[in-house]
Amino acid sequence: MKLSALALCVPLLALGSAAHAAPDYAQVKDILAKNACLACHAVDKKVIGPAYEEVAARHKGQADAAEILTKHIKEGSTGNYGPIPMPPNVGISDADIKTVVEWLVAGAAH
């Protein structure tokens, strides 16, 4: 490959990886607020449910983390973080779940 062609490809690769960057908290906060998630969760402290940072830490590096978290949000869960069950959140859209899960898998930074 010629050096000039390679030089043109490098910026395109950088742009491609930037397009898949995790959503930031400003994007996620609106989703969490409109779906009442913040009634039970906070980013950095336990409320009724675990802190989002705790959820992110528990699933860090797990290949199936996005699938598990999506299922817990949609269907609810029990016994994962104590005796209080998480009810299913049937009102949140699949697109919003995807955004929240991407944020969690990336570490739940705020």
PDB file of N, CA and C in Angstrom:
ATOM      1  N   MET A   1       0.852  -1.166   0.000  1.00  0.00           N
ATOM      2  CA  MET A   1       0.000   0.000   0.000  1.00  0.00           C
ATOM      3  C   MET A   1       0.896   1.226   0.000  1.00  0.00           C
ATOM      4  N   LYS A   2       0.547   2.168  -0.806  1.00  0.00           N
ATOM      5  CA  LYS A   2       1.335   3.386  -0.869  1.00  0.00           C
ATOM      6  C   LYS A   2       1.138   4.194   0.395  1.00  0.00           C
ATOM      7  N   LEU A   3       2.165   4.910   0.760  1.00  0.00           N
ATOM      8  CA  LEU A   3       2.133   5.720   1.979  1.00  0.00           C
ATOM      9  C   LEU A   3       1.037   6.776   1.907  1.00  0.00           C
ATOM     10  N   SER A   4       0.796   7.372   0.752  1.00  0.00           N
ATOM     11  CA  SER A   4      -0.237   8.403   0.644  1.00  0.00           C
ATOM     12  C   SER A   4      -1.630   7.811   0.874  1.00  0.00           C
ATOM     13  N   ALA A   5      -1.864   6.608   0.392  1.00  0.00           N
ATOM     14  CA  ALA A   5      -3.156   5.957   0.609  1.00  0.00           C
ATOM     15  C   ALA A   5      -3.337   5.604   2.076  1.00  0.00           C
ATOM     16  N   LEU A   6      -2.265   5.144   2.701  1.00  0.00           N
ATOM     17  CA  LEU A   6      -2.315   4.830   4.120  1.00  0.00           C
ATOM     18  C   LEU A   6      -2.590   6.085   4.940  1.00  0.00           C
ATOM     19  N   ALA A   7      -1.977   7.187   4.560  1.00  0.00           N
ATOM     20  CA  ALA A   7      -2.179   8.448   5.268  1.00  0.00           C
ATOM     21  C   ALA A   7      -3.635   8.906   5.183  1.00  0.00           C
ATOM     22  N   LEU A   8      -4.302   8.581   4.096  1.00  0.00           N
ATOM     23  CA  LEU A   8      -5.716   8.933   3.967  1.00  0.00           C
ATOM     24  C   LEU A   8      -6.613   8.019   4.802  1.00  0.00           C
ATOM     25  N   CYS A   9      -6.202   6.788   5.022  1.00  0.00           N
ATOM     26  CA  CYS A   9      -7.015   5.831   5.769  1.00  0.00           C
ATOM     27  C   CYS A   9      -6.998   6.075   7.277  1.00  0.00           C
ATOM     28  N   VAL A  10      -5.900   6.528   7.805  1.00  0.00           N
ATOM     29  CA  VAL A  10      -5.768   6.707   9.254  1.00  0.00           C
ATOM     30  C   VAL A  10      -6.823   7.662   9.812  1.00  0.00           C
ATOM     31  N   PRO A  11      -7.038   8.849   9.216  1.00  0.00           N
ATOM     32  CA  PRO A  11      -8.090   9.718   9.760  1.00  0.00           C
ATOM     33  C   PRO A  11      -9.484   9.099   9.670  1.00  0.00           C
ATOM     34  N   LEU A  12      -9.741   8.324   8.636  1.00  0.00           N
ATOM     35  CA  LEU A  12     -11.033   7.668   8.513  1.00  0.00           C
ATOM     36  C   LEU A  12     -11.247   6.636   9.606  1.00  0.00           C
ATOM     37  N   LEU A  13     -10.207   5.907   9.949  1.00  0.00           N
ATOM     38  CA  LEU A  13     -10.299   4.950  11.043  1.00  0.00           C
ATOM     39  C   LEU A  13     -10.571   5.656  12.361  1.00  0.00           C
ATOM     40  N   ALA A  14      -9.924   6.775  12.583  1.00  0.00           N
ATOM     41  CA  ALA A  14     -10.137   7.539  13.811  1.00  0.00           C
ATOM     42  C   ALA A  14     -11.564   8.049  13.892  1.00  0.00           C
ATOM     43  N   LEU A  15     -12.095   8.518  12.788  1.00  0.00           N
ATOM     44  CA  LEU A  15     -13.479   8.994  12.777  1.00  0.00           C
ATOM     45  C   LEU A  15     -14.455   7.850  13.015  1.00  0.00           C
ATOM     46  N   GLY A  16     -14.172   6.712  12.469  1.00  0.00           N
ATOM     47  CA  GLY A  16     -15.038   5.553  12.665  1.00  0.00           C
ATOM     48  C   GLY A  16     -15.104   5.117  14.106  1.00  0.00           C
ATOM     49  N   SER A  17     -13.988   5.115  14.812  1.00  0.00           N
ATOM     50  CA  SER A  17     -14.002   4.720  16.211  1.00  0.00           C
ATOM     51  C   SER A  17     -14.641   5.790  17.073  1.00  0.00           C
ATOM     52  N   ALA A  18     -14.514   7.055  16.711  1.00  0.00           N
ATOM     53  CA  ALA A  18     -15.151   8.121  17.475  1.00  0.00           C
ATOM     54  C   ALA A  18     -16.666   8.056  17.337  1.00  0.00           C
ATOM     55  N   ALA A  19     -17.148   7.572  16.217  1.00  0.00           N
ATOM     56  CA  ALA A  19     -18.591   7.476  16.001  1.00  0.00           C
ATOM     57  C   ALA A  19     -19.225   6.450  16.939  1.00  0.00           C
ATOM     58  N   HIS A  20     -18.451   5.519  17.464  1.00  0.00           N
ATOM     59  CA  HIS A  20     -18.972   4.499  18.355  1.00  0.00           C
ATOM     60  C   HIS A  20     -18.636   4.777  19.813  1.00  0.00           C
ATOM     61  N   ALA A  21     -18.284   6.002  20.134  1.00  0.00           N
ATOM     62  CA  ALA A  21     -17.956   6.343  21.507  1.00  0.00           C
ATOM     63  C   ALA A  21     -19.204   6.203  22.376  1.00  0.00           C
ATOM     64  N   ALA A  22     -18.987   5.865  23.618  1.00  0.00           N
ATOM     65  CA  ALA A  22     -20.108   5.701  24.546  1.00  0.00           C
ATOM     66  C   ALA A  22     -20.824   7.031  24.752  1.00  0.00           C
ATOM     67  N   PRO A  23     -22.131   6.973  24.981  1.00  0.00           N
ATOM     68  CA  PRO A  23     -22.861   8.207  25.254  1.00  0.00           C
ATOM     69  C   PRO A  23     -22.373   8.829  26.560  1.00  0.00           C
ATOM     70  N   ASP A  24     -22.481  10.139  26.664  1.00  0.00           N
ATOM     71  CA  ASP A  24     -22.076  10.783  27.911  1.00  0.00           C
ATOM     72  C   ASP A  24     -23.281  10.897  28.843  1.00  0.00           C
ATOM     73  N   TYR A  25     -23.013  11.284  30.088  1.00  0.00           N
ATOM     74  CA  TYR A  25     -24.065  11.312  31.101  1.00  0.00           C
ATOM     75  C   TYR A  25     -25.170  12.296  30.753  1.00  0.00           C
ATOM     76  N   ALA A  26     -24.853  13.384  30.083  1.00  0.00           N
ATOM     77  CA  ALA A  26     -25.884  14.352  29.710  1.00  0.00           C
ATOM     78  C   ALA A  26     -26.951  13.691  28.830  1.00  0.00           C
ATOM     79  N   GLN A  27     -26.535  12.846  27.908  1.00  0.00           N
ATOM     80  CA  GLN A  27     -27.484  12.130  27.054  1.00  0.00           C
ATOM     81  C   GLN A  27     -28.299  11.125  27.858  1.00  0.00           C
ATOM     82  N   VAL A  28     -27.643  10.433  28.740  1.00  0.00           N
ATOM     83  CA  VAL A  28     -28.275   9.359  29.488  1.00  0.00           C
ATOM     84  C   VAL A  28     -29.180   9.909  30.589  1.00  0.00           C
ATOM     85  N   LYS A  29     -28.803  11.007  31.193  1.00  0.00           N
ATOM     86  CA  LYS A  29     -29.560  11.564  32.316  1.00  0.00           C
ATOM     87  C   LYS A  29     -31.009  11.850  31.930  1.00  0.00           C
ATOM     88  N   ASP A  30     -31.232  12.379  30.749  1.00  0.00           N
ATOM     89  CA  ASP A  30     -32.598  12.651  30.294  1.00  0.00           C
ATOM     90  C   ASP A  30     -33.405  11.358  30.160  1.00  0.00           C
ATOM     91  N   ILE A  31     -32.783  10.330  29.650  1.00  0.00           N
ATOM     92  CA  ILE A  31     -33.456   9.037  29.503  1.00  0.00           C
ATOM     93  C   ILE A  31     -33.803   8.478  30.883  1.00  0.00           C
ATOM     94  N   LEU A  32     -32.845   8.541  31.809  1.00  0.00           N
ATOM     95  CA  LEU A  32     -33.074   8.023  33.157  1.00  0.00           C
ATOM     96  C   LEU A  32     -34.185   8.792  33.859  1.00  0.00           C
ATOM     97  N   ALA A  33     -34.209  10.098  33.664  1.00  0.00           N
ATOM     98  CA  ALA A  33     -35.228  10.932  34.303  1.00  0.00           C
ATOM     99  C   ALA A  33     -36.616  10.641  33.740  1.00  0.00           C
ATOM    100  N   LYS A  34     -36.744  10.580  32.431  1.00  0.00           N
ATOM    101  CA  LYS A  34     -38.076  10.411  31.839  1.00  0.00           C
ATOM    102  C   LYS A  34     -38.644   9.010  32.054  1.00  0.00           C
ATOM    103  N   ASN A  35     -37.795   8.053  32.423  1.00  0.00           N
ATOM    104  CA  ASN A  35     -38.253   6.690  32.659  1.00  0.00           C
ATOM    105  C   ASN A  35     -38.267   6.322  34.146  1.00  0.00           C
ATOM    106  N   ALA A  36     -38.123   7.318  35.008  1.00  0.00           N
ATOM    107  CA  ALA A  36     -38.190   7.156  36.468  1.00  0.00           C
ATOM    108  C   ALA A  36     -37.091   6.268  37.050  1.00  0.00           C
ATOM    109  N   CYS A  37     -36.017   6.084  36.325  1.00  0.00           N
ATOM    110  CA  CYS A  37     -34.904   5.264  36.809  1.00  0.00           C
ATOM    111  C   CYS A  37     -34.224   5.916  38.026  1.00  0.00           C
ATOM    112  N   LEU A  38     -34.207   7.249  38.039  1.00  0.00           N
ATOM    113  CA  LEU A  38     -33.515   7.971  39.103  1.00  0.00           C
ATOM    114  C   LEU A  38     -34.280   7.939  40.424  1.00  0.00           C
ATOM    115  N   ALA A  39     -35.491   7.394  40.421  1.00  0.00           N
ATOM    116  CA  ALA A  39     -36.224   7.220  41.670  1.00  0.00           C
ATOM    117  C   ALA A  39     -35.555   6.143  42.533  1.00  0.00           C
ATOM    118  N   CYS A  40     -34.895   5.195  41.898  1.00  0.00           N
ATOM    119  CA  CYS A  40     -34.276   4.080  42.618  1.00  0.00           C
ATOM    120  C   CYS A  40     -32.758   4.011  42.485  1.00  0.00           C
ATOM    121  N   HIS A  41     -32.195   4.704  41.506  1.00  0.00           N
ATOM    122  CA  HIS A  41     -30.758   4.618  41.245  1.00  0.00           C
ATOM    123  C   HIS A  41     -30.134   6.006  41.176  1.00  0.00           C
ATOM    124  N   ALA A  42     -28.860   6.076  41.544  1.00  0.00           N
ATOM    125  CA  ALA A  42     -28.029   7.263  41.341  1.00  0.00           C
ATOM    126  C   ALA A  42     -26.731   6.783  40.711  1.00  0.00           C
ATOM    127  N   VAL A  43     -25.960   7.708  40.193  1.00  0.00           N
ATOM    128  CA  VAL A  43     -24.722   7.309  39.530  1.00  0.00           C
ATOM    129  C   VAL A  43     -23.715   6.741  40.524  1.00  0.00           C
ATOM    130  N   ASP A  44     -23.539   7.426  41.630  1.00  0.00           N
ATOM    131  CA  ASP A  44     -22.412   7.090  42.512  1.00  0.00           C
ATOM    132  C   ASP A  44     -22.787   6.661  43.924  1.00  0.00           C
ATOM    133  N   LYS A  45     -24.076   6.425  44.185  1.00  0.00           N
ATOM    134  CA  LYS A  45     -24.467   5.951  45.520  1.00  0.00           C
ATOM    135  C   LYS A  45     -25.721   5.087  45.412  1.00  0.00           C
ATOM    136  N   LYS A  46     -25.834   4.182  46.354  1.00  0.00           N
ATOM    137  CA  LYS A  46     -27.011   3.317  46.424  1.00  0.00           C
ATOM    138  C   LYS A  46     -28.196   4.161  46.882  1.00  0.00           C
ATOM    139  N   VAL A  47     -29.318   3.998  46.231  1.00  0.00           N
ATOM    140  CA  VAL A  47     -30.558   4.625  46.672  1.00  0.00           C
ATOM    141  C   VAL A  47     -31.429   3.450  47.136  1.00  0.00           C
ATOM    142  N   ILE A  48     -32.358   3.016  46.340  1.00  0.00           N
ATOM    143  CA  ILE A  48     -33.076   1.767  46.606  1.00  0.00           C
ATOM    144  C   ILE A  48     -32.345   0.639  45.887  1.00  0.00           C
ATOM    145  N   GLY A  49     -31.982   0.916  44.652  1.00  0.00           N
ATOM    146  CA  GLY A  49     -31.193  -0.021  43.864  1.00  0.00           C
ATOM    147  C   GLY A  49     -29.728   0.388  43.892  1.00  0.00           C
ATOM    148  N   PRO A  50     -28.889  -0.393  43.264  1.00  0.00           N
ATOM    149  CA  PRO A  50     -27.448  -0.108  43.278  1.00  0.00           C
ATOM    150  C   PRO A  50     -27.099   1.146  42.487  1.00  0.00           C
ATOM    151  N   ALA A  51     -25.951   1.717  42.811  1.00  0.00           N
ATOM    152  CA  ALA A  51     -25.418   2.836  42.030  1.00  0.00           C
ATOM    153  C   ALA A  51     -25.066   2.329  40.632  1.00  0.00           C
ATOM    154  N   TYR A  52     -25.230   3.191  39.654  1.00  0.00           N
ATOM    155  CA  TYR A  52     -24.872   2.796  38.286  1.00  0.00           C
ATOM    156  C   TYR A  52     -23.392   2.444  38.186  1.00  0.00           C
ATOM    157  N   GLU A  53     -22.542   3.120  38.955  1.00  0.00           N
ATOM    158  CA  GLU A  53     -21.110   2.784  38.950  1.00  0.00           C
ATOM    159  C   GLU A  53     -20.890   1.351  39.436  1.00  0.00           C
ATOM    160  N   GLU A  54     -21.675   0.915  40.415  1.00  0.00           N
ATOM    161  CA  GLU A  54     -21.564  -0.456  40.922  1.00  0.00           C
ATOM    162  C   GLU A  54     -21.998  -1.464  39.856  1.00  0.00           C
ATOM    163  N   VAL A  55     -23.080  -1.150  39.161  1.00  0.00           N
ATOM    164  CA  VAL A  55     -23.555  -2.024  38.088  1.00  0.00           C
ATOM    165  C   VAL A  55     -22.484  -2.122  36.998  1.00  0.00           C
ATOM    166  N   ALA A  56     -21.928  -0.977  36.614  1.00  0.00           N
ATOM    167  CA  ALA A  56     -20.892  -0.963  35.579  1.00  0.00           C
ATOM    168  C   ALA A  56     -19.676  -1.773  36.014  1.00  0.00           C
ATOM    169  N   ALA A  57     -19.260  -1.619  37.265  1.00  0.00           N
ATOM    170  CA  ALA A  57     -18.088  -2.340  37.764  1.00  0.00           C
ATOM    171  C   ALA A  57     -18.335  -3.848  37.782  1.00  0.00           C
ATOM    172  N   ARG A  58     -19.534  -4.251  38.162  1.00  0.00           N
ATOM    173  CA  ARG A  58     -19.849  -5.685  38.226  1.00  0.00           C
ATOM    174  C   ARG A  58     -19.789  -6.329  36.845  1.00  0.00           C
ATOM    175  N   HIS A  59     -20.176  -5.588  35.837  1.00  0.00           N
ATOM    176  CA  HIS A  59     -20.248  -6.162  34.493  1.00  0.00           C
ATOM    177  C   HIS A  59     -19.042  -5.811  33.613  1.00  0.00           C
ATOM    178  N   LYS A  60     -18.073  -5.125  34.175  1.00  0.00           N
ATOM    179  CA  LYS A  60     -16.894  -4.727  33.405  1.00  0.00           C
ATOM    180  C   LYS A  60     -16.192  -5.955  32.830  1.00  0.00           C
ATOM    181  N   GLY A  61     -15.942  -5.886  31.524  1.00  0.00           N
ATOM    182  CA  GLY A  61     -15.206  -6.947  30.854  1.00  0.00           C
ATOM    183  C   GLY A  61     -16.023  -8.181  30.499  1.00  0.00           C
ATOM    184  N   GLN A  62     -17.290  -8.221  30.854  1.00  0.00           N
ATOM    185  CA  GLN A  62     -18.123  -9.374  30.521  1.00  0.00           C
ATOM    186  C   GLN A  62     -18.593  -9.264  29.071  1.00  0.00           C
ATOM    187  N   ALA A  63     -18.370 -10.296  28.321  1.00  0.00           N
ATOM    188  CA  ALA A  63     -18.754 -10.281  26.908  1.00  0.00           C
ATOM    189  C   ALA A  63     -20.264 -10.134  26.721  1.00  0.00           C
ATOM    190  N   ASP A  64     -21.035 -10.664  27.642  1.00  0.00           N
ATOM    191  CA  ASP A  64     -22.492 -10.616  27.515  1.00  0.00           C
ATOM    192  C   ASP A  64     -23.134  -9.535  28.377  1.00  0.00           C
ATOM    193  N   ALA A  65     -22.366  -8.561  28.817  1.00  0.00           N
ATOM    194  CA  ALA A  65     -22.888  -7.516  29.707  1.00  0.00           C
ATOM    195  C   ALA A  65     -24.064  -6.761  29.098  1.00  0.00           C
ATOM    196  N   ALA A  66     -23.953  -6.368  27.849  1.00  0.00           N
ATOM    197  CA  ALA A  66     -25.035  -5.601  27.213  1.00  0.00           C
ATOM    198  C   ALA A  66     -26.320  -6.425  27.161  1.00  0.00           C
ATOM    199  N   GLU A  67     -26.201  -7.679  26.848  1.00  0.00           N
ATOM    200  CA  GLU A  67     -27.373  -8.557  26.773  1.00  0.00           C
ATOM    201  C   GLU A  67     -28.021  -8.716  28.157  1.00  0.00           C
ATOM    202  N   ILE A  68     -27.210  -8.941  29.167  1.00  0.00           N
ATOM    203  CA  ILE A  68     -27.727  -9.113  30.535  1.00  0.00           C
ATOM    204  C   ILE A  68     -28.407  -7.845  31.021  1.00  0.00           C
ATOM    205  N   LEU A  69     -27.743  -6.708  30.847  1.00  0.00           N
ATOM    206  CA  LEU A  69     -28.304  -5.449  31.326  1.00  0.00           C
ATOM    207  C   LEU A  69     -29.589  -5.086  30.589  1.00  0.00           C
ATOM    208  N   THR A  70     -29.619  -5.324  29.296  1.00  0.00           N
ATOM    209  CA  THR A  70     -30.834  -5.070  28.521  1.00  0.00           C
ATOM    210  C   THR A  70     -31.992  -5.911  29.058  1.00  0.00           C
ATOM    211  N   LYS A  71     -31.732  -7.170  29.315  1.00  0.00           N
ATOM    212  CA  LYS A  71     -32.764  -8.061  29.845  1.00  0.00           C
ATOM    213  C   LYS A  71     -33.243  -7.584  31.216  1.00  0.00           C
ATOM    214  N   HIS A  72     -32.335  -7.178  32.086  1.00  0.00           N
ATOM    215  CA  HIS A  72     -32.729  -6.719  33.419  1.00  0.00           C
ATOM    216  C   HIS A  72     -33.578  -5.452  33.345  1.00  0.00           C
ATOM    217  N   ILE A  73     -33.240  -4.562  32.430  1.00  0.00           N
ATOM    218  CA  ILE A  73     -34.025  -3.332  32.294  1.00  0.00           C
ATOM    219  C   ILE A  73     -35.415  -3.660  31.762  1.00  0.00           C
ATOM    220  N   LYS A  74     -35.494  -4.468  30.732  1.00  0.00           N
ATOM    221  CA  LYS A  74     -36.786  -4.794  30.125  1.00  0.00           C
ATOM    222  C   LYS A  74     -37.665  -5.664  31.017  1.00  0.00           C
ATOM    223  N   GLU A  75     -37.070  -6.709  31.591  1.00  0.00           N
ATOM    224  CA  GLU A  75     -37.850  -7.724  32.288  1.00  0.00           C
ATOM    225  C   GLU A  75     -37.813  -7.604  33.805  1.00  0.00           C
ATOM    226  N   GLY A  76     -36.930  -6.757  34.319  1.00  0.00           N
ATOM    227  CA  GLY A  76     -36.748  -6.685  35.761  1.00  0.00           C
ATOM    228  C   GLY A  76     -35.802  -7.783  36.226  1.00  0.00           C
ATOM    229  N   SER A  77     -35.489  -7.767  37.500  1.00  0.00           N
ATOM    230  CA  SER A  77     -34.615  -8.795  38.063  1.00  0.00           C
ATOM    231  C   SER A  77     -34.807  -8.820  39.572  1.00  0.00           C
ATOM    232  N   THR A  78     -34.332  -9.871  40.171  1.00  0.00           N
ATOM    233  CA  THR A  78     -34.416  -9.986  41.617  1.00  0.00           C
ATOM    234  C   THR A  78     -33.206 -10.745  42.142  1.00  0.00           C
ATOM    235  N   GLY A  79     -32.726 -10.319  43.301  1.00  0.00           N
ATOM    236  CA  GLY A  79     -31.633 -11.015  43.959  1.00  0.00           C
ATOM    237  C   GLY A  79     -30.243 -10.678  43.469  1.00  0.00           C
ATOM    238  N   ASN A  80     -30.103  -9.811  42.497  1.00  0.00           N
ATOM    239  CA  ASN A  80     -28.780  -9.488  41.971  1.00  0.00           C
ATOM    240  C   ASN A  80     -28.008  -8.517  42.863  1.00  0.00           C
ATOM    241  N   TYR A  81     -28.718  -7.627  43.529  1.00  0.00           N
ATOM    242  CA  TYR A  81     -28.082  -6.616  44.380  1.00  0.00           C
ATOM    243  C   TYR A  81     -28.759  -6.539  45.733  1.00  0.00           C
ATOM    244  N   GLY A  82     -29.389  -7.618  46.156  1.00  0.00           N
ATOM    245  CA  GLY A  82     -30.082  -7.637  47.429  1.00  0.00           C
ATOM    246  C   GLY A  82     -31.513  -8.100  47.255  1.00  0.00           C
ATOM    247  N   PRO A  83     -32.286  -7.993  48.318  1.00  0.00           N
ATOM    248  CA  PRO A  83     -33.631  -8.570  48.295  1.00  0.00           C
ATOM    249  C   PRO A  83     -34.691  -7.749  47.558  1.00  0.00           C
ATOM    250  N   ILE A  84     -34.434  -6.488  47.293  1.00  0.00           N
ATOM    251  CA  ILE A  84     -35.439  -5.650  46.642  1.00  0.00           C
ATOM    252  C   ILE A  84     -35.399  -5.904  45.133  1.00  0.00           C
ATOM    253  N   PRO A  85     -36.527  -6.336  44.560  1.00  0.00           N
ATOM    254  CA  PRO A  85     -36.532  -6.617  43.120  1.00  0.00           C
ATOM    255  C   PRO A  85     -36.563  -5.334  42.292  1.00  0.00           C
ATOM    256  N   MET A  86     -36.016  -5.423  41.101  1.00  0.00           N
ATOM    257  CA  MET A  86     -36.142  -4.339  40.138  1.00  0.00           C
ATOM    258  C   MET A  86     -37.312  -4.696  39.233  1.00  0.00           C
ATOM    259  N   PRO A  87     -38.327  -3.837  39.191  1.00  0.00           N
ATOM    260  CA  PRO A  87     -39.468  -4.150  38.333  1.00  0.00           C
ATOM    261  C   PRO A  87     -39.106  -3.970  36.864  1.00  0.00           C
ATOM    262  N   PRO A  88     -39.841  -4.618  35.989  1.00  0.00           N
ATOM    263  CA  PRO A  88     -39.593  -4.416  34.559  1.00  0.00           C
ATOM    264  C   PRO A  88     -39.908  -2.980  34.169  1.00  0.00           C
ATOM    265  N   ASN A  89     -39.162  -2.467  33.238  1.00  0.00           N
ATOM    266  CA  ASN A  89     -39.402  -1.112  32.741  1.00  0.00           C
ATOM    267  C   ASN A  89     -39.910  -1.249  31.308  1.00  0.00           C
ATOM    268  N   VAL A  90     -41.207  -1.451  31.186  1.00  0.00           N
ATOM    269  CA  VAL A  90     -41.803  -1.719  29.878  1.00  0.00           C
ATOM    270  C   VAL A  90     -41.991  -0.458  29.047  1.00  0.00           C
ATOM    271  N   GLY A  91     -41.884   0.715  29.653  1.00  0.00           N
ATOM    272  CA  GLY A  91     -42.122   1.952  28.928  1.00  0.00           C
ATOM    273  C   GLY A  91     -40.915   2.519  28.209  1.00  0.00           C
ATOM    274  N   ILE A  92     -39.743   2.033  28.502  1.00  0.00           N
ATOM    275  CA  ILE A  92     -38.523   2.582  27.891  1.00  0.00           C
ATOM    276  C   ILE A  92     -38.335   1.974  26.496  1.00  0.00           C
ATOM    277  N   SER A  93     -37.984   2.814  25.547  1.00  0.00           N
ATOM    278  CA  SER A  93     -37.806   2.334  24.171  1.00  0.00           C
ATOM    279  C   SER A  93     -36.527   1.516  24.038  1.00  0.00           C
ATOM    280  N   ASP A  94     -36.483   0.679  23.034  1.00  0.00           N
ATOM    281  CA  ASP A  94     -35.281  -0.119  22.773  1.00  0.00           C
ATOM    282  C   ASP A  94     -34.082   0.783  22.491  1.00  0.00           C
ATOM    283  N   ALA A  95     -34.306   1.891  21.790  1.00  0.00           N
ATOM    284  CA  ALA A  95     -33.212   2.825  21.492  1.00  0.00           C
ATOM    285  C   ALA A  95     -32.669   3.436  22.779  1.00  0.00           C
ATOM    286  N   ASP A  96     -33.554   3.797  23.706  1.00  0.00           N
ATOM    287  CA  ASP A  96     -33.104   4.372  24.979  1.00  0.00           C
ATOM    288  C   ASP A  96     -32.390   3.332  25.834  1.00  0.00           C
ATOM    289  N   ILE A  97     -32.886   2.103  25.822  1.00  0.00           N
ATOM    290  CA  ILE A  97     -32.198   1.028  26.555  1.00  0.00           C
ATOM    291  C   ILE A  97     -30.792   0.853  25.999  1.00  0.00           C
ATOM    292  N   LYS A  98     -30.673   0.851  24.695  1.00  0.00           N
ATOM    293  CA  LYS A  98     -29.359   0.683  24.058  1.00  0.00           C
ATOM    294  C   LYS A  98     -28.398   1.788  24.497  1.00  0.00           C
ATOM    295  N   THR A  99     -28.878   3.025  24.553  1.00  0.00           N
ATOM    296  CA  THR A  99     -28.037   4.147  24.970  1.00  0.00           C
ATOM    297  C   THR A  99     -27.597   3.981  26.422  1.00  0.00           C
ATOM    298  N   VAL A 100     -28.535   3.641  27.300  1.00  0.00           N
ATOM    299  CA  VAL A 100     -28.212   3.459  28.721  1.00  0.00           C
ATOM    300  C   VAL A 100     -27.231   2.308  28.899  1.00  0.00           C
ATOM    301  N   VAL A 101     -27.465   1.212  28.223  1.00  0.00           N
ATOM    302  CA  VAL A 101     -26.591   0.045  28.354  1.00  0.00           C
ATOM    303  C   VAL A 101     -25.187   0.356  27.827  1.00  0.00           C
ATOM    304  N   GLU A 102     -25.082   1.071  26.722  1.00  0.00           N
ATOM    305  CA  GLU A 102     -23.754   1.466  26.211  1.00  0.00           C
ATOM    306  C   GLU A 102     -23.019   2.306  27.245  1.00  0.00           C
ATOM    307  N   TRP A 103     -23.729   3.198  27.897  1.00  0.00           N
ATOM    308  CA  TRP A 103     -23.139   4.045  28.945  1.00  0.00           C
ATOM    309  C   TRP A 103     -22.684   3.195  30.130  1.00  0.00           C
ATOM    310  N   LEU A 104     -23.506   2.253  30.545  1.00  0.00           N
ATOM    311  CA  LEU A 104     -23.147   1.384  31.663  1.00  0.00           C
ATOM    312  C   LEU A 104     -21.932   0.521  31.329  1.00  0.00           C
ATOM    313  N   VAL A 105     -21.941  -0.080  30.166  1.00  0.00           N
ATOM    314  CA  VAL A 105     -20.826  -0.951  29.757  1.00  0.00           C
ATOM    315  C   VAL A 105     -19.524  -0.153  29.659  1.00  0.00           C
ATOM    316  N   ALA A 106     -19.640   1.137  29.319  1.00  0.00           N
ATOM    317  CA  ALA A 106     -18.453   1.993  29.222  1.00  0.00           C
ATOM    318  C   ALA A 106     -17.983   2.503  30.574  1.00  0.00           C
ATOM    319  N   GLY A 107     -18.718   2.193  31.665  1.00  0.00           N
ATOM    320  CA  GLY A 107     -18.259   2.567  32.991  1.00  0.00           C
ATOM    321  C   GLY A 107     -19.128   3.533  33.756  1.00  0.00           C
ATOM    322  N   ALA A 108     -20.207   4.008  33.174  1.00  0.00           N
ATOM    323  CA  ALA A 108     -21.167   4.893  33.851  1.00  0.00           C
ATOM    324  C   ALA A 108     -20.531   6.183  34.372  1.00  0.00           C
ATOM    325  N   ALA A 109     -19.701   6.792  33.557  1.00  0.00           N
ATOM    326  CA  ALA A 109     -19.034   8.052  33.965  1.00  0.00           C
ATOM    327  C   ALA A 109     -20.028   9.190  33.995  1.00  0.00           C
ATOM    328  N   HIS A 110     -19.818  10.094  34.944  1.00  0.00           N
ATOM    329  CA  HIS A 110     -20.683  11.289  34.994  1.00  0.00           C
ATOM    330  C   HIS A 110     -19.878  12.551  35.117  1.00  0.00           C
TER     331      HIS A 110
END
